[in-house]
Amino acid sequence: MAGSTAEYYRKNPEARKKRLKQQSEYQKTPKGKRIKSNANKLNRKLGTYGNHDGKDAAHYKGSTTEGRTQSPSINRKSRLKIRK
């Protein structure tokens, strides 16, 4: 049985450091900035941005402008279902 990605990075600090550096660089690219900007915009629209409620915007399939607030664990799972 394969382990989770999170487990792998917890057990391999070198790999984690490399991944975080790569993510940091990616978020500075035009595409990364656009993704962050759209996510923040949707969170503001839904009223969950900056209020520390632990919720995040969940996107409907094919939509970047409509969403609903969900706890991150449910939110991540729903995204994985959409990808399949």
Protein backbone atom coordinates (compact mmCIF):
# COMPACT_ATOMS: atom_id res chain seq x y z
CA MET A 1 0.00 0.00 0.00
CA ALA A 2 1.40 3.38 -1.01
CA GLY A 3 1.83 6.13 1.59
CA SER A 4 0.57 9.66 1.26
CA THR A 5 2.60 12.49 -0.22
CA ALA A 6 2.43 14.35 3.10
CA GLU A 7 4.00 11.38 4.89
CA TYR A 8 6.81 11.24 2.33
CA TYR A 9 7.71 14.90 2.80
CA ARG A 10 7.54 14.59 6.60
CA LYS A 11 10.03 11.73 6.49
CA ASN A 12 12.34 13.32 3.89
CA PRO A 13 13.38 16.83 4.97
CA GLU A 14 15.72 17.27 1.99
CA ALA A 15 12.92 16.53 -0.46
CA ARG A 16 10.55 18.77 1.48
CA LYS A 17 13.00 21.67 1.36
CA LYS A 18 13.42 21.19 -2.40
CA ARG A 19 9.64 21.06 -2.93
CA LEU A 20 9.00 24.19 -0.87
CA LYS A 21 11.65 26.07 -2.83
CA GLN A 22 10.08 24.95 -6.11
CA GLN A 23 6.59 25.95 -4.89
CA SER A 24 7.89 29.35 -3.84
CA GLU A 25 9.34 29.93 -7.31
CA TYR A 26 6.15 28.69 -9.01
CA GLN A 27 4.00 31.12 -7.03
CA LYS A 28 6.05 33.99 -8.47
CA THR A 29 5.27 33.04 -12.09
CA PRO A 30 2.37 34.71 -13.93
CA LYS A 31 0.34 31.47 -13.83
CA GLY A 32 0.98 31.00 -10.09
CA LYS A 33 0.01 34.60 -9.35
CA ARG A 34 -3.18 34.20 -11.40
CA ILE A 35 -4.17 31.04 -9.50
CA LYS A 36 -3.54 32.69 -6.11
CA SER A 37 -5.40 35.82 -7.16
CA ASN A 38 -8.46 33.87 -8.33
CA ALA A 39 -8.51 31.76 -5.14
CA ASN A 40 -8.31 34.88 -2.95
CA LYS A 41 -11.01 36.61 -5.00
CA LEU A 42 -13.38 33.66 -4.56
CA ASN A 43 -12.64 33.43 -0.82
CA ARG A 44 -13.42 37.15 -0.46
CA LYS A 45 -16.67 36.74 -2.43
CA LEU A 46 -17.73 33.86 -0.15
CA GLY A 47 -16.81 35.82 2.99
CA THR A 48 -14.26 33.32 4.25
CA TYR A 49 -11.08 35.28 3.44
CA GLY A 50 -9.18 36.28 6.57
CA ASN A 51 -11.87 35.40 9.11
CA HIS A 52 -9.98 32.37 10.51
CA ASP A 53 -12.98 30.04 10.23
CA GLY A 54 -10.78 27.24 8.85
CA LYS A 55 -12.84 27.05 5.68
CA ASP A 56 -11.77 27.41 2.07
CA ALA A 57 -13.55 27.89 -1.24
CA ALA A 58 -14.54 24.72 -3.05
CA HIS A 59 -14.92 25.04 -6.80
CA TYR A 60 -17.64 23.46 -8.85
CA LYS A 61 -16.39 21.45 -11.81
CA GLY A 62 -15.41 23.85 -14.58
CA SER A 63 -16.09 27.02 -12.58
CA THR A 64 -13.62 29.58 -11.28
CA THR A 65 -16.20 32.15 -10.17
CA GLU A 66 -18.76 30.13 -8.16
CA GLY A 67 -18.09 28.06 -5.11
CA ARG A 68 -19.08 27.13 -1.61
CA THR A 69 -17.17 27.15 1.65
CA GLN A 70 -16.04 23.82 3.03
CA SER A 71 -13.53 22.56 5.54
CA PRO A 72 -10.19 21.88 3.82
CA SER A 73 -10.32 18.09 4.33
CA ILE A 74 -13.66 17.82 2.53
CA ASN A 75 -12.59 20.41 -0.02
CA ARG A 76 -9.44 18.48 -0.97
CA LYS A 77 -11.36 15.22 -1.26
CA SER A 78 -13.95 16.76 -3.58
CA ARG A 79 -11.20 18.05 -5.87
CA LEU A 80 -9.70 14.59 -6.10
CA LYS A 81 -13.09 13.15 -7.07
CA ILE A 82 -13.43 15.74 -9.83
CA ARG A 83 -10.03 14.84 -11.31
CA LYS A 84 -10.87 11.14 -11.72
